[in-house]
Amino acid sequence: MNIQHFEKGFTLNDTDLILFAKKIGKLATYCRKLKDEGSFIRVETEQRDTKKSQDSVKVMVTVHLPKKDLRVESRKNNALDALDSCIEKLEPQVKRYKEMTTGKGRKKRR
């Protein structure tokens, strides 16, 4: 699993980066194709000046899989909360992708 992390106007310390990697790594339990070399995950964290303090950090996660790209974003007051929200949104997308590429959801070829 290849994880790329980009920060815009925001810096994470080493322990937060490790937490990011662990939380994103849990997505691999839902689909084996996330562990392949052909797929990678891009995480962007951005600090924004907003009127609402609860929207000051924006986290965008893009998962590039064979034949499919999954993307979510979340705005919260800190990066770890925003990442948790992104992962909650990604779980059903990854499960749906798995069903469509393997097993039940896949069309039978004749």
Protein backbone atom coordinates (compact mmCIF):
# COMPACT_ATOMS: atom_id res chain seq x y z
CA MET A 1 0.00 0.00 0.00
CA ASN A 2 1.43 3.32 -1.08
CA ILE A 3 0.34 6.33 0.95
CA GLN A 4 1.18 9.87 -0.14
CA HIS A 5 0.56 12.75 2.25
CA PHE A 6 0.49 16.43 1.31
CA GLU A 7 0.09 19.38 3.66
CA LYS A 8 -0.97 22.91 2.68
CA GLY A 9 -0.52 25.52 5.39
CA PHE A 10 -0.60 22.80 7.99
CA THR A 11 2.05 20.60 9.58
CA LEU A 12 1.60 17.30 11.37
CA ASN A 13 4.07 15.92 13.85
CA ASP A 14 5.51 12.41 13.54
CA THR A 15 3.05 10.78 15.95
CA ASP A 16 0.09 12.21 14.03
CA LEU A 17 1.53 10.92 10.76
CA ILE A 18 1.83 7.45 12.27
CA LEU A 19 -1.79 7.65 13.45
CA PHE A 20 -2.84 8.70 9.94
CA ALA A 21 -1.07 5.67 8.45
CA LYS A 22 -2.62 3.26 10.98
CA LYS A 23 -6.13 4.58 10.41
CA ILE A 24 -5.78 4.43 6.65
CA GLY A 25 -4.22 0.97 6.89
CA LYS A 26 -7.41 -0.34 8.47
CA LEU A 27 -9.15 0.19 5.12
CA ALA A 28 -7.08 -2.68 3.73
CA THR A 29 -9.06 -5.12 5.88
CA TYR A 30 -12.07 -4.52 3.63
CA CYS A 31 -10.36 -5.09 0.28
CA ARG A 32 -7.14 -6.91 -0.62
CA LYS A 33 -6.63 -4.75 -3.72
CA LEU A 34 -5.69 -1.83 -1.47
CA LYS A 35 -2.51 -3.71 -0.59
CA ASP A 36 -1.48 -4.18 -4.24
CA GLU A 37 1.25 -2.16 -5.88
CA GLY A 38 -1.21 -0.89 -8.50
CA SER A 39 -3.17 1.07 -5.92
CA PHE A 40 -2.20 4.04 -3.81
CA ILE A 41 -3.81 6.45 -1.39
CA ARG A 42 -3.34 10.21 -1.48
CA VAL A 43 -4.12 12.24 1.65
CA GLU A 44 -4.22 16.04 1.51
CA THR A 45 -4.49 18.17 4.64
CA GLU A 46 -5.19 21.86 4.31
CA GLN A 47 -5.50 24.65 6.88
CA ARG A 48 -8.09 27.21 5.84
CA ASP A 49 -9.19 30.55 7.21
CA THR A 50 -12.93 30.28 7.69
CA LYS A 51 -15.60 32.04 9.68
CA LYS A 52 -16.55 28.78 11.34
CA SER A 53 -13.83 27.37 13.57
CA GLN A 54 -15.14 23.82 13.17
CA ASP A 55 -14.33 23.94 9.42
CA SER A 56 -10.74 25.16 9.70
CA VAL A 57 -9.02 21.89 8.63
CA LYS A 58 -9.91 20.13 5.40
CA VAL A 59 -8.77 16.55 4.73
CA MET A 60 -9.19 14.97 1.30
CA VAL A 61 -8.52 11.28 0.70
CA THR A 62 -8.25 9.82 -2.80
CA VAL A 63 -7.90 6.06 -3.26
CA HIS A 64 -6.65 4.99 -6.69
CA LEU A 65 -7.64 1.39 -7.37
CA PRO A 66 -7.55 -0.63 -10.61
CA LYS A 67 -10.39 0.69 -12.81
CA LYS A 68 -11.77 2.97 -10.07
CA ASP A 69 -10.93 6.09 -8.03
CA LEU A 70 -12.63 6.73 -4.69
CA ARG A 71 -12.60 10.22 -3.16
CA VAL A 72 -13.88 11.77 0.06
CA GLU A 73 -13.29 14.98 1.96
CA SER A 74 -14.18 16.29 5.36
CA ARG A 75 -13.89 19.58 7.22
CA LYS A 76 -13.40 19.59 10.99
CA ASN A 77 -11.54 21.59 13.63
CA ASN A 78 -8.61 19.14 13.76
CA ALA A 79 -7.01 16.81 11.25
CA LEU A 80 -7.53 13.52 13.10
CA ASP A 81 -11.28 14.11 13.46
CA ALA A 82 -11.51 14.97 9.77
CA LEU A 83 -9.60 11.80 8.86
CA ASP A 84 -11.95 9.70 11.01
CA SER A 85 -14.89 11.19 9.16
CA CYS A 86 -13.24 10.46 5.81
CA ILE A 87 -12.61 6.84 6.75
CA GLU A 88 -16.24 6.42 7.81
CA LYS A 89 -17.27 7.67 4.37
CA LEU A 90 -14.72 5.50 2.55
CA GLU A 91 -15.64 2.18 4.19
CA PRO A 92 -18.92 1.69 2.28
CA GLN A 93 -17.27 2.78 -0.98
CA VAL A 94 -14.46 0.25 -0.56
CA LYS A 95 -16.94 -2.51 0.33
CA ARG A 96 -19.03 -1.67 -2.75
CA TYR A 97 -15.89 -1.73 -4.92
CA LYS A 98 -14.98 -5.14 -3.55
CA GLU A 99 -18.44 -6.52 -4.26
CA MET A 100 -18.34 -5.21 -7.83
CA THR A 101 -14.91 -6.64 -8.61
CA THR A 102 -15.17 -9.98 -6.83
CA GLY A 103 -17.91 -12.39 -5.93
CA LYS A 104 -21.59 -11.49 -5.71
CA GLY A 105 -21.80 -8.22 -7.60
CA ARG A 106 -19.68 -9.28 -10.56
CA LYS A 107 -21.46 -10.24 -13.77
CA LYS A 108 -20.91 -13.77 -15.00
CA ARG A 109 -18.98 -14.08 -18.25
CA ARG A 110 -20.03 -16.62 -20.85
